[in-house]
Protein backbone atom coordinates (compact mmCIF):
# COMPACT_ATOMS: atom_id res chain seq x y z
CA MET A 1 -0.02 15.92 -14.08
CA SER A 2 -3.47 15.11 -13.03
CA ASN A 3 -5.60 15.68 -15.57
CA GLN A 4 -4.19 13.01 -17.33
CA SER A 5 -6.14 9.89 -19.07
CA PHE A 6 -5.74 6.44 -19.99
CA LYS A 7 -7.04 4.95 -23.28
CA VAL A 8 -7.09 1.42 -23.03
CA VAL A 9 -7.79 -0.78 -26.23
CA GLY A 10 -8.97 -3.93 -24.73
CA GLY A 11 -9.03 -7.43 -25.89
CA LYS A 12 -5.70 -8.05 -26.26
CA LYS A 13 -3.85 -10.89 -24.59
CA LEU A 14 -0.61 -9.99 -22.98
CA LYS A 15 2.84 -12.34 -22.53
CA GLY A 16 6.15 -11.86 -21.31
CA THR A 17 7.76 -11.54 -18.15
CA ILE A 18 7.51 -8.35 -15.78
CA THR A 19 9.33 -7.44 -12.60
CA PRO A 20 7.23 -6.13 -9.44
CA GLN A 21 8.65 -2.49 -7.94
CA GLY A 22 9.41 -1.88 -4.49
CA ALA A 23 6.74 -1.73 -2.00
CA LYS A 24 4.95 1.42 -1.56
CA ASN A 25 3.82 0.42 2.12
CA GLU A 26 6.72 -0.58 3.02
CA THR A 27 9.25 2.28 1.88
CA LEU A 28 6.62 5.20 3.33
CA GLN A 29 7.65 3.63 6.55
CA ILE A 30 11.28 3.19 5.95
CA LEU A 31 12.00 6.78 4.67
CA CYS A 32 10.53 8.14 7.66
CA ALA A 33 12.76 6.17 9.54
CA THR A 34 16.08 7.75 8.34
CA LEU A 35 15.13 10.86 10.45
CA LEU A 36 15.80 8.78 13.05
CA THR A 37 19.96 8.72 12.90
CA SER A 38 21.94 11.90 11.69
CA GLU A 39 24.23 8.82 10.10
CA LYS A 40 23.60 7.92 6.11
CA VAL A 41 20.72 5.25 5.32
CA THR A 42 20.98 3.91 1.74
CA ILE A 43 17.90 2.61 0.69
CA ALA A 44 17.55 0.17 -2.23
CA ASN A 45 14.30 -0.82 -4.82
CA VAL A 46 12.32 2.30 -3.55
CA PRO A 47 9.78 2.69 -6.17
CA ASP A 48 9.53 5.68 -8.68
CA ILE A 49 6.10 7.01 -7.51
CA LEU A 50 4.14 10.00 -6.54
CA ASP A 51 3.57 9.07 -2.97
CA VAL A 52 7.21 8.34 -2.50
CA GLN A 53 8.04 11.03 -4.63
CA ARG A 54 6.32 13.68 -2.24
CA LEU A 55 7.25 12.08 0.97
CA ILE A 56 11.02 12.36 -0.46
CA ALA A 57 10.18 16.63 -1.42
CA LEU A 58 8.93 16.53 2.37
CA LEU A 59 12.19 15.06 3.84
CA LYS A 60 14.04 17.41 2.00
CA GLY A 61 12.40 20.53 3.02
CA LEU A 62 13.02 18.78 6.45
CA GLY A 63 17.17 19.37 5.52
CA VAL A 64 17.28 16.11 5.44
CA GLU A 65 20.54 15.23 2.63
CA VAL A 66 18.87 13.21 -0.11
CA ASN A 67 20.74 11.31 -2.90
CA LYS A 68 19.68 8.89 -5.86
CA ILE A 69 22.78 6.77 -6.38
CA GLY A 70 21.44 4.53 -8.57
CA LYS A 71 18.27 3.11 -10.46
CA GLU A 72 15.76 2.95 -7.74
CA LYS A 73 18.65 3.95 -4.96
CA TYR A 74 19.21 6.55 -2.42
CA THR A 75 20.68 7.36 0.26
CA PHE A 76 19.42 9.86 3.47
CA GLN A 77 21.14 11.90 6.07
CA ALA A 78 18.83 13.55 8.70
CA LYS A 79 22.69 15.61 9.93
CA LYS A 80 20.15 18.63 10.59
CA VAL A 81 16.99 18.73 10.81
CA ASP A 82 15.06 22.38 10.44
CA LEU A 83 11.71 22.22 12.81
CA LYS A 84 11.02 25.49 11.64
CA TYR A 85 10.16 23.82 8.05
CA PHE A 86 6.86 22.17 9.73
CA THR A 87 5.38 25.71 10.03
CA THR A 88 5.77 26.32 6.19
CA GLU A 89 2.58 26.74 4.12
CA GLU A 90 4.62 24.46 1.80
CA TYR A 91 4.75 21.57 4.25
CA GLN A 92 1.21 21.90 5.17
CA ARG A 93 0.41 22.05 1.60
CA ASP A 94 2.83 18.91 0.78
CA ALA A 95 2.26 16.88 3.81
CA LYS A 96 -1.68 17.29 3.15
CA SER A 97 -1.42 15.02 0.36
CA ILE A 98 0.14 11.86 1.07
CA ARG A 99 -1.16 9.95 4.14
CA GLY A 100 2.30 8.57 4.65
CA SER A 101 3.68 11.92 6.17
CA VAL A 102 1.68 10.88 9.50
CA MET A 103 4.71 8.13 10.09
CA LEU A 104 7.17 11.38 10.16
CA ILE A 105 5.90 12.22 14.00
CA GLY A 106 7.28 9.12 15.74
CA PRO A 107 11.02 9.58 14.54
CA LEU A 108 10.93 13.40 14.98
CA LEU A 109 9.28 12.91 18.54
CA ALA A 110 11.86 10.32 19.17
CA ARG A 111 14.76 12.36 18.38
CA TYR A 112 13.59 16.06 18.98
CA GLY A 113 10.72 15.38 21.19
CA LYS A 114 8.45 17.51 18.83
CA GLY A 115 6.49 17.31 15.63
CA PHE A 116 3.31 18.74 13.96
CA LEU A 117 0.78 17.33 11.10
CA PRO A 118 -1.29 18.88 9.11
CA GLN A 119 -4.67 16.37 8.16
CA PRO A 120 -3.56 14.40 6.00
CA GLY A 121 -5.14 13.42 3.03
CA GLY A 122 -4.67 10.47 0.24
CA ASP A 123 -7.61 8.27 -0.62
CA LYS A 124 -11.42 8.92 -1.10
CA ILE A 125 -11.92 5.34 0.58
CA GLY A 126 -13.84 6.39 3.82
CA ARG A 127 -12.53 7.28 7.22
CA ARG A 128 -9.01 6.38 7.90
CA ARG A 129 -8.68 7.37 11.89
CA LEU A 130 -5.26 8.77 13.45
CA ASP A 131 -6.70 8.59 17.27
CA THR A 132 -4.59 5.02 17.09
CA HIS A 133 -1.43 6.77 16.15
CA PHE A 134 -2.13 9.73 18.92
CA LEU A 135 -3.12 6.90 21.29
CA GLY A 136 0.08 5.04 21.41
CA LEU A 137 2.31 8.42 21.46
CA GLN A 138 0.69 9.73 23.90
CA LYS A 139 1.24 6.63 26.33
CA LEU A 140 4.53 7.45 25.52
CA GLY A 141 4.52 10.80 27.29
CA ALA A 142 3.83 12.81 23.93
CA VAL A 143 1.00 15.63 24.34
CA PHE A 144 -1.14 16.81 21.57
CA ASN A 145 -3.20 20.04 20.50
CA TYR A 146 -5.18 20.66 17.46
CA ASP A 147 -5.12 23.84 16.09
CA ASP A 148 -8.40 24.19 14.22
CA ASP A 149 -7.90 27.17 12.51
CA LYS A 150 -4.96 25.84 10.73
CA LYS A 151 -6.55 21.98 10.87
CA CYS A 152 -3.22 20.86 12.22
CA TYR A 153 -1.73 18.91 15.12
CA PHE A 154 0.97 20.11 17.42
CA ILE A 155 3.14 17.27 19.11
CA GLU A 156 5.78 17.74 21.81
CA GLY A 157 7.37 15.00 24.36
CA ASP A 158 10.74 15.54 25.11
CA LYS A 159 10.92 13.07 27.40
CA LEU A 160 9.17 9.41 26.15
CA LYS A 161 8.82 6.84 28.74
CA GLY A 162 8.69 3.14 27.69
CA THR A 163 5.33 1.61 28.80
CA TYR A 164 2.79 -1.33 27.77
CA ILE A 165 0.38 -0.16 25.14
CA LEU A 166 -2.83 -2.23 24.14
CA MET A 167 -3.36 -0.51 20.48
CA ASP A 168 -7.22 -0.21 20.02
CA GLU A 169 -7.08 -1.28 16.14
CA ILE A 170 -4.18 -3.34 14.51
CA SER A 171 -2.89 -0.26 12.20
CA VAL A 172 -0.26 -0.71 10.14
CA THR A 173 0.98 2.82 10.19
CA GLY A 174 0.14 3.35 13.39
CA THR A 175 2.33 0.39 15.38
CA ALA A 176 5.34 2.14 12.88
CA ASN A 177 4.81 4.95 14.00
CA VAL A 178 4.47 4.24 17.56
CA VAL A 179 7.53 1.28 17.15
CA MET A 180 9.61 4.52 16.03
CA ALA A 181 8.90 6.51 18.89
CA ALA A 182 9.68 4.05 21.31
CA VAL A 183 13.07 2.86 19.62
CA MET A 184 14.95 5.79 21.72
CA ALA A 185 12.26 6.27 24.58
CA LYS A 186 13.51 5.48 28.24
CA GLY A 187 12.70 2.16 29.56
CA THR A 188 10.97 -1.04 27.49
CA THR A 189 8.24 -0.32 25.84
CA GLN A 190 5.49 -3.17 24.73
CA ILE A 191 3.03 -3.25 22.28
CA TYR A 192 0.10 -5.34 21.66
CA ASN A 193 -2.18 -6.32 19.16
CA ALA A 194 0.64 -4.68 16.96
CA ALA A 195 0.23 -5.00 13.00
CA CYS A 196 2.62 -7.76 11.95
CA GLU A 197 2.75 -7.84 8.31
CA PRO A 198 5.98 -7.98 6.38
CA TYR A 199 6.56 -4.14 5.91
CA LEU A 200 6.23 -3.61 9.24
CA GLN A 201 8.74 -6.59 10.05
CA GLN A 202 10.88 -5.12 7.52
CA LEU A 203 11.09 -1.84 9.35
CA CYS A 204 12.09 -3.57 12.90
CA LYS A 205 14.65 -5.20 10.80
CA MET A 206 16.01 -2.22 9.94
CA LEU A 207 15.66 -0.65 12.87
CA ASN A 208 17.61 -3.54 14.78
CA LYS A 209 20.36 -3.33 12.19
CA MET A 210 20.79 0.73 13.50
CA GLY A 211 21.19 -0.89 16.85
CA ALA A 212 17.53 -0.98 18.10
CA LYS A 213 16.37 -3.56 20.82
CA ILE A 214 12.58 -4.81 19.26
CA GLU A 215 11.86 -8.70 20.00
CA GLY A 216 8.96 -10.60 19.08
CA VAL A 217 8.95 -8.92 15.42
CA GLY A 218 6.27 -11.04 13.14
CA SER A 219 4.45 -11.27 16.07
CA ASN A 220 1.51 -8.91 17.42
CA LEU A 221 3.32 -8.10 20.63
CA LEU A 222 6.07 -6.23 20.26
CA THR A 223 8.91 -5.64 23.06
CA ILE A 224 11.11 -2.80 22.98
CA LYS A 225 13.79 -1.21 24.84
CA GLY A 226 15.06 1.97 24.38
CA VAL A 227 18.45 2.97 23.53
CA ASN A 228 20.31 6.78 22.86
CA SER A 229 20.66 6.54 19.53
CA LEU A 230 20.84 5.07 16.81
CA LYS A 231 23.54 4.40 13.59
CA GLY A 232 22.95 4.28 9.79
CA THR A 233 22.46 1.25 7.56
CA SER A 234 21.35 -0.22 4.47
CA HIS A 235 17.87 -1.52 3.53
CA ARG A 236 16.48 -2.68 0.33
CA ILE A 237 12.58 -2.77 0.13
CA LEU A 238 10.38 -5.95 -0.45
CA PRO A 239 8.56 -6.09 -3.78
CA ASP A 240 4.76 -4.83 -3.66
CA MET A 241 2.48 -7.66 -3.00
CA ILE A 242 -0.22 -5.56 -4.34
CA GLU A 243 1.51 -5.04 -7.43
CA ILE A 244 2.28 -8.79 -7.57
CA GLY A 245 -1.85 -9.59 -6.80
CA SER A 246 -2.45 -7.23 -9.30
CA PHE A 247 -0.62 -8.90 -12.49
CA ILE A 248 -2.12 -12.12 -11.47
CA GLY A 249 -5.43 -10.66 -11.45
CA LEU A 250 -4.25 -9.08 -15.10
CA ALA A 251 -2.79 -12.61 -16.68
CA ALA A 252 -6.14 -14.52 -15.42
CA MET A 253 -8.88 -11.93 -17.03
CA THR A 254 -6.74 -11.80 -20.35
CA GLN A 255 -5.84 -15.42 -20.82
CA SER A 256 -2.41 -14.51 -20.62
CA GLU A 257 1.13 -16.24 -19.75
CA ILE A 258 2.74 -13.83 -17.39
CA THR A 259 6.12 -15.16 -15.43
CA ILE A 260 6.47 -12.04 -12.23
CA LYS A 261 9.88 -11.95 -11.32
CA ASN A 262 11.59 -12.02 -7.74
CA ALA A 263 7.81 -11.94 -6.33
CA LYS A 264 9.46 -12.97 -2.70
CA VAL A 265 6.80 -16.00 -2.84
CA LYS A 266 7.95 -16.70 1.02
CA GLU A 267 6.18 -12.47 1.77
CA LEU A 268 3.23 -13.33 0.37
CA GLY A 269 1.34 -14.91 3.04
CA ASN A 270 -2.15 -16.52 1.42
CA ILE A 271 -2.54 -13.71 -1.21
CA LEU A 272 -1.33 -16.63 -3.52
CA SER A 273 -4.08 -19.01 -2.14
CA ILE A 274 -6.54 -16.36 -2.33
CA PHE A 275 -6.20 -16.49 -5.93
CA ARG A 276 -6.10 -20.44 -6.27
CA ARG A 277 -9.52 -20.29 -4.95
CA MET A 278 -10.68 -18.50 -7.74
CA GLY A 279 -9.77 -20.99 -10.01
CA VAL A 280 -5.98 -18.94 -10.98
CA LYS A 281 -3.10 -21.66 -12.23
CA LEU A 282 0.35 -20.74 -10.97
CA GLU A 283 3.21 -22.07 -10.83
CA ILE A 284 5.91 -21.14 -8.29
CA ARG A 285 9.35 -21.30 -10.20
CA LYS A 286 12.47 -20.69 -7.71
CA ASP A 287 11.23 -16.82 -6.80
CA ASP A 288 8.95 -16.55 -9.84
CA ILE A 289 5.51 -16.37 -10.40
CA PHE A 290 4.47 -18.46 -13.60
CA ILE A 291 0.72 -17.94 -14.58
CA PRO A 292 -0.42 -19.75 -17.82
CA ALA A 293 -2.61 -19.02 -20.51
CA GLN A 294 -5.85 -19.63 -18.87
CA LYS A 295 -9.18 -19.89 -21.03
CA ARG A 296 -11.38 -20.67 -18.10
CA TYR A 297 -11.22 -20.22 -14.31
CA GLU A 298 -13.71 -21.59 -12.12
CA ILE A 299 -14.68 -20.48 -8.56
CA GLN A 300 -13.89 -23.21 -5.86
CA THR A 301 -16.78 -23.40 -3.09
CA PHE A 302 -16.77 -24.35 0.63
CA ILE A 303 -16.59 -27.94 1.56
CA ASP A 304 -20.21 -27.52 1.97
CA GLY A 305 -21.05 -26.42 -1.13
CA SER A 306 -21.91 -23.21 0.08
CA ILE A 307 -20.76 -19.73 -2.33
CA MET A 308 -16.70 -18.68 -1.11
CA THR A 309 -16.24 -15.32 0.56
CA VAL A 310 -12.98 -13.61 0.38
CA TYR A 311 -13.53 -11.16 2.60
CA ASP A 312 -9.82 -8.46 4.22
CA ALA A 313 -8.38 -9.14 7.60
CA PRO A 314 -5.09 -7.50 9.35
CA TRP A 315 -1.84 -9.72 8.00
CA PRO A 316 -1.42 -12.47 8.20
CA GLY A 317 -4.97 -12.10 6.98
CA PHE A 318 -5.79 -11.14 2.91
CA THR A 319 -4.76 -7.86 2.11
CA PRO A 320 -7.71 -5.00 1.69
CA ASP A 321 -5.68 -4.00 -1.40
CA LEU A 322 -6.34 -6.68 -3.18
CA LEU A 323 -9.95 -7.14 -2.75
CA SER A 324 -10.72 -5.25 -6.09
CA ILE A 325 -8.50 -6.83 -7.91
CA VAL A 326 -9.88 -9.99 -6.86
CA LEU A 327 -13.42 -8.66 -7.56
CA VAL A 328 -12.39 -7.37 -10.94
CA MET A 329 -11.33 -10.92 -11.81
CA ALA A 330 -14.67 -12.65 -10.39
CA THR A 331 -17.14 -10.74 -12.84
CA GLN A 332 -15.06 -13.44 -15.92
CA ALA A 333 -14.82 -16.33 -13.78
CA LYS A 334 -17.20 -19.13 -13.25
CA GLY A 335 -19.32 -19.43 -10.35
CA SER A 336 -20.14 -16.77 -7.32
CA VAL A 337 -18.31 -14.93 -4.81
CA LEU A 338 -18.99 -12.31 -1.62
CA ILE A 339 -16.54 -10.29 -1.67
CA HIS A 340 -16.82 -8.36 1.95
CA GLN A 341 -14.64 -5.52 2.60
CA LYS A 342 -14.02 -4.82 6.20
CA MET A 343 -11.95 -2.25 6.78
CA PHE A 344 -12.69 0.65 5.05
CA GLU A 345 -16.52 1.56 3.94
CA SER A 346 -16.26 3.39 0.53
CA ARG A 347 -13.77 0.92 -1.28
CA LEU A 348 -16.27 -0.98 -3.10
CA PHE A 349 -17.97 2.20 -5.00
CA PHE A 350 -16.79 1.62 -8.09
CA VAL A 351 -18.26 -1.03 -8.51
CA ASP A 352 -20.97 1.20 -10.44
CA LYS A 353 -18.31 1.38 -13.03
CA LEU A 354 -18.08 -2.46 -13.78
CA ILE A 355 -21.85 -2.81 -13.40
CA ASP A 356 -21.79 -0.40 -16.56
CA MET A 357 -19.26 -2.26 -18.42
CA GLY A 358 -21.54 -5.40 -18.31
CA ALA A 359 -20.37 -7.26 -15.33
CA GLN A 360 -23.39 -8.85 -12.90
CA ILE A 361 -22.71 -7.34 -9.58
CA ILE A 362 -24.97 -6.89 -6.56
CA LEU A 363 -23.48 -4.23 -4.10
CA CYS A 364 -25.56 -5.51 -0.77
CA ASP A 365 -24.02 -2.16 1.36
CA PRO A 366 -20.83 -0.40 1.53
CA HIS A 367 -19.10 -3.41 2.65
CA ARG A 368 -20.47 -6.34 1.02
CA ALA A 369 -21.20 -6.81 -3.06
CA THR A 370 -21.95 -10.10 -4.86
CA VAL A 371 -20.42 -11.11 -7.97
CA ILE A 372 -21.97 -13.15 -10.61
CA GLY A 373 -19.23 -14.84 -12.68
CA LEU A 374 -20.50 -14.70 -16.13
CA ASP A 375 -17.66 -17.52 -17.25
CA ARG A 376 -16.67 -15.17 -20.03
CA ARG A 377 -19.77 -15.41 -22.24
CA TYR A 378 -20.38 -11.90 -21.96
CA PRO A 379 -16.94 -9.79 -22.22
CA LEU A 380 -16.91 -6.60 -20.46
CA LYS A 381 -17.48 -3.37 -22.74
CA GLY A 382 -15.07 -0.49 -23.14
CA ILE A 383 -16.83 2.56 -21.25
CA GLN A 384 -15.34 6.25 -19.83
CA MET A 385 -14.79 6.29 -16.74
CA THR A 386 -13.13 7.80 -13.45
CA SER A 387 -10.81 6.42 -10.70
CA PRO A 388 -11.81 7.02 -7.26
CA ASP A 389 -8.76 5.36 -5.59
CA ILE A 390 -5.41 3.68 -5.92
CA ARG A 391 -5.96 -0.31 -5.66
CA ALA A 392 -9.74 0.43 -7.63
CA GLY A 393 -7.80 2.62 -10.55
CA VAL A 394 -5.25 -0.21 -11.27
CA SER A 395 -8.92 -2.90 -11.34
CA LEU A 396 -10.50 -0.87 -13.47
CA LEU A 397 -7.18 -1.14 -15.64
CA ILE A 398 -7.55 -4.45 -15.87
CA ALA A 399 -11.34 -4.63 -16.50
CA ALA A 400 -10.44 -2.36 -19.61
CA LEU A 401 -7.96 -4.20 -20.50
CA SER A 402 -10.22 -7.51 -20.58
CA ALA A 403 -12.94 -5.54 -22.10
CA LYS A 404 -13.98 -5.47 -25.84
CA GLY A 405 -13.80 -2.05 -27.32
CA THR A 406 -11.81 1.51 -26.40
CA SER A 407 -12.20 2.57 -22.55
CA VAL A 408 -10.64 5.85 -21.26
CA ILE A 409 -10.08 5.83 -17.51
CA HIS A 410 -9.88 9.56 -16.29
CA ASN A 411 -8.25 10.47 -12.94
CA ILE A 412 -4.84 8.23 -13.71
CA HIS A 413 -2.75 10.46 -11.10
CA GLN A 414 -4.68 8.06 -8.53
CA ILE A 415 -2.79 5.35 -10.24
CA ASP A 416 0.15 7.09 -10.66
CA ARG A 417 0.27 7.53 -6.86
CA GLY A 418 0.81 3.31 -6.51
CA TYR A 419 2.17 1.87 -9.65
CA GLN A 420 5.20 2.86 -11.45
CA ASN A 421 4.92 3.48 -15.13
CA ILE A 422 2.06 0.90 -15.23
CA ASP A 423 1.50 2.04 -19.09
CA THR A 424 5.27 1.64 -20.19
CA ARG A 425 5.30 -1.51 -18.36
CA LEU A 426 2.14 -3.22 -19.70
CA ASN A 427 2.74 -2.21 -23.42
CA ALA A 428 5.77 -3.93 -23.14
CA LEU A 429 3.71 -7.46 -22.78
CA GLY A 430 1.35 -6.40 -25.69
CA ALA A 431 -0.90 -4.19 -23.92
CA ASP A 432 -2.44 -0.65 -25.50
CA ILE A 433 -2.59 1.95 -23.39
CA THR A 434 -1.81 5.64 -24.27
CA ARG A 435 -1.70 8.32 -21.90
CA ILE A 436 -3.29 11.26 -22.85
CA ASP A 437 -3.30 14.89 -22.03
CA ASN A 438 -7.18 16.35 -21.14
């Protein structure tokens, strides 16, 4: 599976309708939350992607009864959880392969008073600290021990107590973990500097339906009154905003007319306004986004005429996961833009592949790149390249689809981790992507 590649014939205009998959980042939080109750939890719109499959396998290993009851619909019931599974080599191997496994700690602490975590893996996009998770859980009364030989953490906390927690950084998974632990802690917990993005709001709404008492949902101050137990519920995952942004970038780059169905436009924050600033025309039709075929698009400048800067910031700022898409799109725009990746230090290293394809990009440092748009005068040319992480992988795929000639993208399991059947779905719009075994 990991040694497949995409062969992409570029330069084709796409046309048609595409529906975004369920949100990967929301799904990973929601699946972990099913451990908080012994009752059945039904979840709809679950994306069929590698990271989600891996987390479902971990839950099954822990003894959760998992049933697929429809296309992208599952029930989870954590009646009997086998905590011994944590010590198995199988768990350590599988949990390392997915960063989302870190969010198993909060619910297990809440319900069983202990948890276990190997050092997780995931994207190669620089350091992603776990301190925020640990500091928050420690304030609730959890004790951490690190086993250097096994490279894993043992966590205990059978009497979690509500308290005031100032998060040391705005971490989405960190906030999710602390929220899941706090819903069953004794007393009241206040989490300040909490992440407030839509996926975390979805988690809080689901927990409240299960009987939790969380106030301040959508703000950066959450107040949680602990309860003794939670009940079952049903929940629907939002469409993936990163896929939506990727499809907008794809339409602009390939001069294609694309309709994105059921995009939950109200939950997209400032994503659409950033794409509009990049010169992309968009029409909102009820809950669909229509992107007309555009021969050219021009990057706006700031009001004083200075070069536009696009940077990432915690929600409601622009999501870091879409910066690579905006960067690729800028290569064929008219005008220049400074892309400032503040949150991760290695996310821009894929630009060397774009430079090889003919893009004009100055990599200022690990965090900043200036893109000089060529206004389509020089189309990108197809090359051989390797995908370093999920988001860069899709950016390179978009570049290849707009390029002249044929490209080969290796290491595409990185794309499969976050995008469901992306080749089949784009081929249905007229793309020419072949999956090849190496």
